[in-house]
Amino acid sequence: CQRLTEPLYANIEAINSNMFRATLPDYTSIVILNN
């Protein structure tokens, strides 16, 4: 229950257990987060 990020993204999806695809609020740009 620890927040790892602030609510900055439109959506977050898992690529694998160590990589996550985060969509920015423009719904076009994407960044990658680690776990």
PDB file of all heavy atoms in Angstrom:
ATOM      1  N   CYS A   1       0.811  -1.227   0.000  1.00  0.00           N
ATOM      2  CA  CYS A   1       0.000   0.000   0.000  1.00  0.00           C
ATOM      3  C   CYS A   1       0.838   1.269   0.000  1.00  0.00           C
ATOM      4  O   CYS A   1       0.365   2.340   0.412  1.00  0.00           O
ATOM      5  CB  CYS A   1      -0.979   0.026   1.178  1.00  0.00           C
ATOM      6  SG  CYS A   1      -2.164  -1.329   1.189  1.00  0.00           S
ATOM      7  N   GLN A   2       2.064   1.178  -0.450  1.00  0.00           N
ATOM      8  CA  GLN A   2       2.923   2.354  -0.556  1.00  0.00           C
ATOM      9  C   GLN A   2       2.834   2.921  -1.964  1.00  0.00           C
ATOM     10  O   GLN A   2       2.998   2.205  -2.951  1.00  0.00           O
ATOM     11  CB  GLN A   2       4.379   1.993  -0.233  1.00  0.00           C
ATOM     12  CG  GLN A   2       4.598   1.521   1.187  1.00  0.00           C
ATOM     13  CD  GLN A   2       4.242   2.575   2.210  1.00  0.00           C
ATOM     14  OE1 GLN A   2       4.643   3.733   2.092  1.00  0.00           O
ATOM     15  NE2 GLN A   2       3.487   2.180   3.229  1.00  0.00           N
ATOM     16  N   ARG A   3       2.568   4.230  -2.046  1.00  0.00           N
ATOM     17  CA  ARG A   3       2.513   4.869  -3.355  1.00  0.00           C
ATOM     18  C   ARG A   3       3.925   5.038  -3.904  1.00  0.00           C
ATOM     19  O   ARG A   3       4.776   5.657  -3.270  1.00  0.00           O
ATOM     20  CB  ARG A   3       1.825   6.223  -3.252  1.00  0.00           C
ATOM     21  CG  ARG A   3       0.315   6.129  -3.137  1.00  0.00           C
ATOM     22  CD  ARG A   3      -0.313   7.505  -3.089  1.00  0.00           C
ATOM     23  NE  ARG A   3      -0.069   8.137  -1.799  1.00  0.00           N
ATOM     24  CZ  ARG A   3      -0.009   9.456  -1.611  1.00  0.00           C
ATOM     25  NH1 ARG A   3      -0.129  10.268  -2.633  1.00  0.00           N
ATOM     26  NH2 ARG A   3       0.191   9.958  -0.415  1.00  0.00           N
ATOM     27  N   LEU A   4       4.156   4.484  -5.083  1.00  0.00           N
ATOM     28  CA  LEU A   4       5.465   4.587  -5.719  1.00  0.00           C
ATOM     29  C   LEU A   4       5.556   5.806  -6.627  1.00  0.00           C
ATOM     30  O   LEU A   4       6.652   6.296  -6.892  1.00  0.00           O
ATOM     31  CB  LEU A   4       5.753   3.316  -6.528  1.00  0.00           C
ATOM     32  CG  LEU A   4       5.705   2.019  -5.706  1.00  0.00           C
ATOM     33  CD1 LEU A   4       5.913   0.819  -6.622  1.00  0.00           C
ATOM     34  CD2 LEU A   4       6.746   2.049  -4.593  1.00  0.00           C
ATOM     35  N   THR A   5       4.404   6.283  -7.109  1.00  0.00           N
ATOM     36  CA  THR A   5       4.358   7.525  -7.889  1.00  0.00           C
ATOM     37  C   THR A   5       3.138   8.322  -7.455  1.00  0.00           C
ATOM     38  O   THR A   5       2.196   7.785  -6.879  1.00  0.00           O
ATOM     39  CB  THR A   5       4.254   7.260  -9.411  1.00  0.00           C
ATOM     40  OG1 THR A   5       2.931   6.804  -9.720  1.00  0.00           O
ATOM     41  CG2 THR A   5       5.278   6.251  -9.885  1.00  0.00           C
ATOM     42  N   GLU A   6       3.162   9.598  -7.764  1.00  0.00           N
ATOM     43  CA  GLU A   6       1.961  10.408  -7.621  1.00  0.00           C
ATOM     44  C   GLU A   6       1.013  10.058  -8.780  1.00  0.00           C
ATOM     45  O   GLU A   6       1.440   9.451  -9.769  1.00  0.00           O
ATOM     46  CB  GLU A   6       2.316  11.898  -7.637  1.00  0.00           C
ATOM     47  CG  GLU A   6       3.163  12.345  -6.459  1.00  0.00           C
ATOM     48  CD  GLU A   6       2.465  12.083  -5.128  1.00  0.00           C
ATOM     49  OE1 GLU A   6       1.274  12.428  -5.002  1.00  0.00           O
ATOM     50  OE2 GLU A   6       3.106  11.512  -4.226  1.00  0.00           O
ATOM     51  N   PRO A   7      -0.258  10.436  -8.707  1.00  0.00           N
ATOM     52  CA  PRO A   7      -1.182  10.139  -9.810  1.00  0.00           C
ATOM     53  C   PRO A   7      -0.936  11.081 -10.996  1.00  0.00           C
ATOM     54  O   PRO A   7      -1.650  12.071 -11.189  1.00  0.00           O
ATOM     55  CB  PRO A   7      -2.565  10.362  -9.175  1.00  0.00           C
ATOM     56  CG  PRO A   7      -2.318  11.345  -8.089  1.00  0.00           C
ATOM     57  CD  PRO A   7      -0.958  11.053  -7.557  1.00  0.00           C
ATOM     58  N   LEU A   8       0.060  10.747 -11.793  1.00  0.00           N
ATOM     59  CA  LEU A   8       0.516  11.608 -12.880  1.00  0.00           C
ATOM     60  C   LEU A   8       0.103  11.124 -14.259  1.00  0.00           C
ATOM     61  O   LEU A   8       0.292  11.841 -15.244  1.00  0.00           O
ATOM     62  CB  LEU A   8       2.056  11.701 -12.849  1.00  0.00           C
ATOM     63  CG  LEU A   8       2.693  12.200 -11.547  1.00  0.00           C
ATOM     64  CD1 LEU A   8       4.213  12.072 -11.630  1.00  0.00           C
ATOM     65  CD2 LEU A   8       2.278  13.639 -11.283  1.00  0.00           C
ATOM     66  N   TYR A   9      -0.490   9.941 -14.344  1.00  0.00           N
ATOM     67  CA  TYR A   9      -0.660   9.285 -15.631  1.00  0.00           C
ATOM     68  C   TYR A   9      -2.130   9.028 -15.944  1.00  0.00           C
ATOM     69  O   TYR A   9      -2.982   8.940 -15.045  1.00  0.00           O
ATOM     70  CB  TYR A   9       0.135   7.976 -15.644  1.00  0.00           C
ATOM     71  CG  TYR A   9       1.571   8.171 -15.246  1.00  0.00           C
ATOM     72  CD1 TYR A   9       2.018   7.811 -13.964  1.00  0.00           C
ATOM     73  CD2 TYR A   9       2.484   8.760 -16.117  1.00  0.00           C
ATOM     74  CE1 TYR A   9       3.333   8.021 -13.580  1.00  0.00           C
ATOM     75  CE2 TYR A   9       3.800   8.977 -15.740  1.00  0.00           C
ATOM     76  CZ  TYR A   9       4.225   8.602 -14.471  1.00  0.00           C
ATOM     77  OH  TYR A   9       5.525   8.817 -14.081  1.00  0.00           O
ATOM     78  N   ALA A  10      -2.401   8.904 -17.238  1.00  0.00           N
ATOM     79  CA  ALA A  10      -3.753   8.555 -17.672  1.00  0.00           C
ATOM     80  C   ALA A  10      -4.003   7.059 -17.520  1.00  0.00           C
ATOM     81  O   ALA A  10      -5.133   6.634 -17.276  1.00  0.00           O
ATOM     82  CB  ALA A  10      -3.964   8.978 -19.128  1.00  0.00           C
ATOM     83  N   ASN A  11      -2.938   6.256 -17.628  1.00  0.00           N
ATOM     84  CA  ASN A  11      -3.089   4.812 -17.526  1.00  0.00           C
ATOM     85  C   ASN A  11      -1.725   4.181 -17.285  1.00  0.00           C
ATOM     86  O   ASN A  11      -0.688   4.740 -17.663  1.00  0.00           O
ATOM     87  CB  ASN A  11      -3.699   4.251 -18.815  1.00  0.00           C
ATOM     88  CG  ASN A  11      -4.063   2.790 -18.677  1.00  0.00           C
ATOM     89  OD1 ASN A  11      -4.620   2.372 -17.677  1.00  0.00           O
ATOM     90  ND2 ASN A  11      -3.728   1.990 -19.680  1.00  0.00           N
ATOM     91  N   ILE A  12      -1.712   3.033 -16.641  1.00  0.00           N
ATOM     92  CA  ILE A  12      -0.481   2.268 -16.425  1.00  0.00           C
ATOM     93  C   ILE A  12      -0.767   0.808 -16.756  1.00  0.00           C
ATOM     94  O   ILE A  12      -1.769   0.244 -16.301  1.00  0.00           O
ATOM     95  CB  ILE A  12       0.034   2.386 -14.974  1.00  0.00           C
ATOM     96  CG1 ILE A  12       0.396   3.837 -14.646  1.00  0.00           C
ATOM     97  CG2 ILE A  12       1.243   1.484 -14.758  1.00  0.00           C
ATOM     98  CD1 ILE A  12       0.859   4.045 -13.205  1.00  0.00           C
ATOM     99  N   GLU A  13       0.134   0.180 -17.534  1.00  0.00           N
ATOM    100  CA  GLU A  13       0.012  -1.232 -17.885  1.00  0.00           C
ATOM    101  C   GLU A  13       1.343  -1.923 -17.628  1.00  0.00           C
ATOM    102  O   GLU A  13       2.408  -1.328 -17.781  1.00  0.00           O
ATOM    103  CB  GLU A  13      -0.363  -1.392 -19.366  1.00  0.00           C
ATOM    104  CG  GLU A  13      -1.706  -0.786 -19.736  1.00  0.00           C
ATOM    105  CD  GLU A  13      -1.950  -0.872 -21.232  1.00  0.00           C
ATOM    106  OE1 GLU A  13      -0.964  -0.842 -22.003  1.00  0.00           O
ATOM    107  OE2 GLU A  13      -3.118  -0.963 -21.638  1.00  0.00           O
ATOM    108  N   ALA A  14       1.266  -3.182 -17.262  1.00  0.00           N
ATOM    109  CA  ALA A  14       2.488  -3.955 -17.014  1.00  0.00           C
ATOM    110  C   ALA A  14       3.007  -4.546 -18.322  1.00  0.00           C
ATOM    111  O   ALA A  14       2.239  -5.117 -19.109  1.00  0.00           O
ATOM    112  CB  ALA A  14       2.210  -5.057 -16.009  1.00  0.00           C
ATOM    113  N   ILE A  15       4.304  -4.396 -18.541  1.00  0.00           N
ATOM    114  CA  ILE A  15       4.966  -5.078 -19.669  1.00  0.00           C
ATOM    115  C   ILE A  15       5.522  -6.410 -19.172  1.00  0.00           C
ATOM    116  O   ILE A  15       5.338  -7.455 -19.782  1.00  0.00           O
ATOM    117  CB  ILE A  15       6.088  -4.194 -20.242  1.00  0.00           C
ATOM    118  CG1 ILE A  15       5.519  -2.866 -20.746  1.00  0.00           C
ATOM    119  CG2 ILE A  15       6.847  -4.933 -21.348  1.00  0.00           C
ATOM    120  CD1 ILE A  15       6.567  -1.866 -21.179  1.00  0.00           C
ATOM    121  N   ASN A  16       6.197  -6.361 -18.044  1.00  0.00           N
ATOM    122  CA  ASN A  16       6.612  -7.551 -17.302  1.00  0.00           C
ATOM    123  C   ASN A  16       6.694  -7.139 -15.841  1.00  0.00           C
ATOM    124  O   ASN A  16       6.214  -6.061 -15.468  1.00  0.00           O
ATOM    125  CB  ASN A  16       7.934  -8.122 -17.851  1.00  0.00           C
ATOM    126  CG  ASN A  16       9.058  -7.094 -17.847  1.00  0.00           C
ATOM    127  OD1 ASN A  16       9.216  -6.337 -16.884  1.00  0.00           O
ATOM    128  ND2 ASN A  16       9.836  -7.052 -18.925  1.00  0.00           N
ATOM    129  N   SER A  17       7.276  -7.933 -15.018  1.00  0.00           N
ATOM    130  CA  SER A  17       7.285  -7.622 -13.590  1.00  0.00           C
ATOM    131  C   SER A  17       8.206  -6.464 -13.232  1.00  0.00           C
ATOM    132  O   SER A  17       8.152  -5.959 -12.113  1.00  0.00           O
ATOM    133  CB  SER A  17       7.685  -8.866 -12.783  1.00  0.00           C
ATOM    134  OG  SER A  17       8.983  -9.308 -13.177  1.00  0.00           O
ATOM    135  N   ASN A  18       9.051  -6.041 -14.164  1.00  0.00           N
ATOM    136  CA  ASN A  18      10.005  -4.960 -13.881  1.00  0.00           C
ATOM    137  C   ASN A  18       9.794  -3.728 -14.749  1.00  0.00           C
ATOM    138  O   ASN A  18      10.460  -2.718 -14.546  1.00  0.00           O
ATOM    139  CB  ASN A  18      11.439  -5.456 -14.077  1.00  0.00           C
ATOM    140  CG  ASN A  18      11.812  -6.527 -13.076  1.00  0.00           C
ATOM    141  OD1 ASN A  18      11.659  -6.338 -11.870  1.00  0.00           O
ATOM    142  ND2 ASN A  18      12.274  -7.675 -13.565  1.00  0.00           N
ATOM    143  N   MET A  19       8.885  -3.793 -15.715  1.00  0.00           N
ATOM    144  CA  MET A  19       8.667  -2.669 -16.625  1.00  0.00           C
ATOM    145  C   MET A  19       7.173  -2.385 -16.748  1.00  0.00           C
ATOM    146  O   MET A  19       6.363  -3.297 -16.887  1.00  0.00           O
ATOM    147  CB  MET A  19       9.241  -2.979 -18.016  1.00  0.00           C
ATOM    148  CG  MET A  19      10.745  -3.107 -18.062  1.00  0.00           C
ATOM    149  SD  MET A  19      11.313  -3.544 -19.739  1.00  0.00           S
ATOM    150  CE  MET A  19      10.734  -2.118 -20.660  1.00  0.00           C
ATOM    151  N   PHE A  20       6.851  -1.064 -16.711  1.00  0.00           N
ATOM    152  CA  PHE A  20       5.456  -0.657 -16.781  1.00  0.00           C
ATOM    153  C   PHE A  20       5.314   0.487 -17.779  1.00  0.00           C
ATOM    154  O   PHE A  20       6.098   1.440 -17.763  1.00  0.00           O
ATOM    155  CB  PHE A  20       4.955  -0.224 -15.405  1.00  0.00           C
ATOM    156  CG  PHE A  20       5.013  -1.337 -14.386  1.00  0.00           C
ATOM    157  CD1 PHE A  20       6.185  -1.598 -13.685  1.00  0.00           C
ATOM    158  CD2 PHE A  20       3.908  -2.144 -14.170  1.00  0.00           C
ATOM    159  CE1 PHE A  20       6.244  -2.632 -12.769  1.00  0.00           C
ATOM    160  CE2 PHE A  20       3.960  -3.181 -13.255  1.00  0.00           C
ATOM    161  CZ  PHE A  20       5.134  -3.430 -12.553  1.00  0.00           C
ATOM    162  N   ARG A  21       4.329   0.366 -18.634  1.00  0.00           N
ATOM    163  CA  ARG A  21       4.040   1.394 -19.634  1.00  0.00           C
ATOM    164  C   ARG A  21       3.055   2.390 -19.040  1.00  0.00           C
ATOM    165  O   ARG A  21       1.927   2.040 -18.686  1.00  0.00           O
ATOM    166  CB  ARG A  21       3.451   0.765 -20.895  1.00  0.00           C
ATOM    167  CG  ARG A  21       3.124   1.769 -22.003  1.00  0.00           C
ATOM    168  CD  ARG A  21       2.336   1.126 -23.133  1.00  0.00           C
ATOM    169  NE  ARG A  21       3.129   0.112 -23.806  1.00  0.00           N
ATOM    170  CZ  ARG A  21       2.908  -1.191 -23.712  1.00  0.00           C
ATOM    171  NH1 ARG A  21       1.902  -1.648 -22.946  1.00  0.00           N
ATOM    172  NH2 ARG A  21       3.659  -2.056 -24.352  1.00  0.00           N
ATOM    173  N   ALA A  22       3.467   3.660 -18.920  1.00  0.00           N
ATOM    174  CA  ALA A  22       2.625   4.710 -18.344  1.00  0.00           C
ATOM    175  C   ALA A  22       2.277   5.725 -19.431  1.00  0.00           C
ATOM    176  O   ALA A  22       3.162   6.300 -20.061  1.00  0.00           O
ATOM    177  CB  ALA A  22       3.335   5.391 -17.181  1.00  0.00           C
ATOM    178  N   THR A  23       0.992   5.923 -19.631  1.00  0.00           N
ATOM    179  CA  THR A  23       0.518   6.878 -20.627  1.00  0.00           C
ATOM    180  C   THR A  23       0.294   8.235 -19.966  1.00  0.00           C
ATOM    181  O   THR A  23      -0.364   8.329 -18.921  1.00  0.00           O
ATOM    182  CB  THR A  23      -0.798   6.402 -21.259  1.00  0.00           C
ATOM    183  OG1 THR A  23      -0.612   5.093 -21.804  1.00  0.00           O
ATOM    184  CG2 THR A  23      -1.244   7.337 -22.372  1.00  0.00           C
ATOM    185  N   LEU A  24       0.848   9.279 -20.586  1.00  0.00           N
ATOM    186  CA  LEU A  24       0.702  10.623 -20.031  1.00  0.00           C
ATOM    187  C   LEU A  24      -0.717  11.146 -20.285  1.00  0.00           C
ATOM    188  O   LEU A  24      -1.465  10.598 -21.101  1.00  0.00           O
ATOM    189  CB  LEU A  24       1.737  11.547 -20.656  1.00  0.00           C
ATOM    190  CG  LEU A  24       3.204  11.187 -20.389  1.00  0.00           C
ATOM    191  CD1 LEU A  24       4.126  12.237 -20.991  1.00  0.00           C
ATOM    192  CD2 LEU A  24       3.474  11.039 -18.906  1.00  0.00           C
ATOM    193  N   PRO A  25      -1.107  12.250 -19.592  1.00  0.00           N
ATOM    194  CA  PRO A  25      -2.480  12.763 -19.721  1.00  0.00           C
ATOM    195  C   PRO A  25      -2.877  13.199 -21.124  1.00  0.00           C
ATOM    196  O   PRO A  25      -4.069  13.417 -21.364  1.00  0.00           O
ATOM    197  CB  PRO A  25      -2.489  13.954 -18.750  1.00  0.00           C
ATOM    198  CG  PRO A  25      -1.501  13.582 -17.699  1.00  0.00           C
ATOM    199  CD  PRO A  25      -0.399  12.889 -18.461  1.00  0.00           C
ATOM    200  N   ASP A  26      -1.921  13.349 -22.048  1.00  0.00           N
ATOM    201  CA  ASP A  26      -2.307  13.668 -23.423  1.00  0.00           C
ATOM    202  C   ASP A  26      -2.796  12.440 -24.175  1.00  0.00           C
ATOM    203  O   ASP A  26      -3.218  12.526 -25.331  1.00  0.00           O
ATOM    204  CB  ASP A  26      -1.152  14.321 -24.184  1.00  0.00           C
ATOM    205  CG  ASP A  26       0.081  13.410 -24.299  1.00  0.00           C
ATOM    206  OD1 ASP A  26      -0.010  12.218 -23.956  1.00  0.00           O
ATOM    207  OD2 ASP A  26       1.134  13.911 -24.723  1.00  0.00           O
ATOM    208  N   TYR A  27      -2.748  11.281 -23.523  1.00  0.00           N
ATOM    209  CA  TYR A  27      -3.214   9.993 -24.054  1.00  0.00           C
ATOM    210  C   TYR A  27      -2.439   9.553 -25.304  1.00  0.00           C
ATOM    211  O   TYR A  27      -2.871   8.678 -26.035  1.00  0.00           O
ATOM    212  CB  TYR A  27      -4.715  10.037 -24.368  1.00  0.00           C
ATOM    213  CG  TYR A  27      -5.565  10.107 -23.134  1.00  0.00           C
ATOM    214  CD1 TYR A  27      -6.004  11.330 -22.659  1.00  0.00           C
ATOM    215  CD2 TYR A  27      -5.893   8.961 -22.437  1.00  0.00           C
ATOM    216  CE1 TYR A  27      -6.778  11.409 -21.508  1.00  0.00           C
ATOM    217  CE2 TYR A  27      -6.663   9.023 -21.278  1.00  0.00           C
ATOM    218  CZ  TYR A  27      -7.100  10.251 -20.818  1.00  0.00           C
ATOM    219  OH  TYR A  27      -7.854  10.328 -19.675  1.00  0.00           O
ATOM    220  N   THR A  28      -1.288  10.155 -25.544  1.00  0.00           N
ATOM    221  CA  THR A  28      -0.453   9.806 -26.694  1.00  0.00           C
ATOM    222  C   THR A  28       0.960   9.449 -26.257  1.00  0.00           C
ATOM    223  O   THR A  28       1.506   8.410 -26.647  1.00  0.00           O
ATOM    224  CB  THR A  28      -0.392  10.974 -27.705  1.00  0.00           C
ATOM    225  OG1 THR A  28      -1.725  11.265 -28.145  1.00  0.00           O
ATOM    226  CG2 THR A  28       0.463  10.605 -28.908  1.00  0.00           C
ATOM    227  N   SER A  29       1.535  10.295 -25.418  1.00  0.00           N
ATOM    228  CA  SER A  29       2.913  10.106 -24.980  1.00  0.00           C
ATOM    229  C   SER A  29       3.006   8.986 -23.954  1.00  0.00           C
ATOM    230  O   SER A  29       2.121   8.822 -23.102  1.00  0.00           O
ATOM    231  CB  SER A  29       3.470  11.397 -24.385  1.00  0.00           C
ATOM    232  OG  SER A  29       3.337  12.472 -25.300  1.00  0.00           O
ATOM    233  N   ILE A  30       4.093   8.220 -24.043  1.00  0.00           N
ATOM    234  CA  ILE A  30       4.295   7.067 -23.161  1.00  0.00           C
ATOM    235  C   ILE A  30       5.679   7.133 -22.535  1.00  0.00           C
ATOM    236  O   ILE A  30       6.657   7.485 -23.195  1.00  0.00           O
ATOM    237  CB  ILE A  30       4.128   5.747 -23.941  1.00  0.00           C
ATOM    238  CG1 ILE A  30       2.673   5.566 -24.372  1.00  0.00           C
ATOM    239  CG2 ILE A  30       4.569   4.541 -23.108  1.00  0.00           C
ATOM    240  CD1 ILE A  30       2.454   4.376 -25.266  1.00  0.00           C
ATOM    241  N   VAL A  31       5.751   6.802 -21.242  1.00  0.00           N
ATOM    242  CA  VAL A  31       7.039   6.659 -20.558  1.00  0.00           C
ATOM    243  C   VAL A  31       7.075   5.259 -19.940  1.00  0.00           C
ATOM    244  O   VAL A  31       6.047   4.602 -19.791  1.00  0.00           O
ATOM    245  CB  VAL A  31       7.243   7.729 -19.472  1.00  0.00           C
ATOM    246  CG1 VAL A  31       7.307   9.112 -20.091  1.00  0.00           C
ATOM    247  CG2 VAL A  31       6.142   7.659 -18.418  1.00  0.00           C
ATOM    248  N   ILE A  32       8.285   4.814 -19.598  1.00  0.00           N
ATOM    249  CA  ILE A  32       8.467   3.498 -18.991  1.00  0.00           C
ATOM    250  C   ILE A  32       8.924   3.675 -17.551  1.00  0.00           C
ATOM    251  O   ILE A  32       9.844   4.445 -17.250  1.00  0.00           O
ATOM    252  CB  ILE A  32       9.506   2.661 -19.771  1.00  0.00           C
ATOM    253  CG1 ILE A  32       9.071   2.493 -21.224  1.00  0.00           C
ATOM    254  CG2 ILE A  32       9.684   1.292 -19.116  1.00  0.00           C
ATOM    255  CD1 ILE A  32       7.745   1.770 -21.404  1.00  0.00           C
ATOM    256  N   LEU A  33       8.261   2.954 -16.648  1.00  0.00           N
ATOM    257  CA  LEU A  33       8.609   2.960 -15.234  1.00  0.00           C
ATOM    258  C   LEU A  33       9.178   1.609 -14.844  1.00  0.00           C
ATOM    259  O   LEU A  33       8.785   0.573 -15.398  1.00  0.00           O
ATOM    260  CB  LEU A  33       7.375   3.248 -14.377  1.00  0.00           C
ATOM    261  CG  LEU A  33       6.530   4.478 -14.711  1.00  0.00           C
ATOM    262  CD1 LEU A  33       5.286   4.499 -13.821  1.00  0.00           C
ATOM    263  CD2 LEU A  33       7.328   5.756 -14.538  1.00  0.00           C
ATOM    264  N   ASN A  34      10.099   1.611 -13.866  1.00  0.00           N
ATOM    265  CA  ASN A  34      10.515   0.333 -13.301  1.00  0.00           C
ATOM    266  C   ASN A  34       9.580  -0.026 -12.157  1.00  0.00           C
ATOM    267  O   ASN A  34       8.628   0.703 -11.859  1.00  0.00           O
ATOM    268  CB  ASN A  34      11.987   0.367 -12.866  1.00  0.00           C
ATOM    269  CG  ASN A  34      12.248   1.384 -11.761  1.00  0.00           C
ATOM    270  OD1 ASN A  34      11.343   1.787 -11.033  1.00  0.00           O
ATOM    271  ND2 ASN A  34      13.499   1.804 -11.634  1.00  0.00           N
ATOM    272  N   ASN A  35       9.815  -1.150 -11.484  1.00  0.00           N
ATOM    273  CA  ASN A  35       8.887  -1.597 -10.445  1.00  0.00           C
ATOM    274  C   ASN A  35       8.986  -0.789  -9.156  1.00  0.00           C
ATOM    275  O   ASN A  35       8.261  -1.071  -8.191  1.00  0.00           O
ATOM    276  CB  ASN A  35       9.068  -3.083 -10.169  1.00  0.00           C
ATOM    277  CG  ASN A  35      10.450  -3.421  -9.633  1.00  0.00           C
ATOM    278  OD1 ASN A  35      11.275  -2.528  -9.415  1.00  0.00           O
ATOM    279  ND2 ASN A  35      10.705  -4.705  -9.422  1.00  0.00           N
TER     280      ASN A  35
END
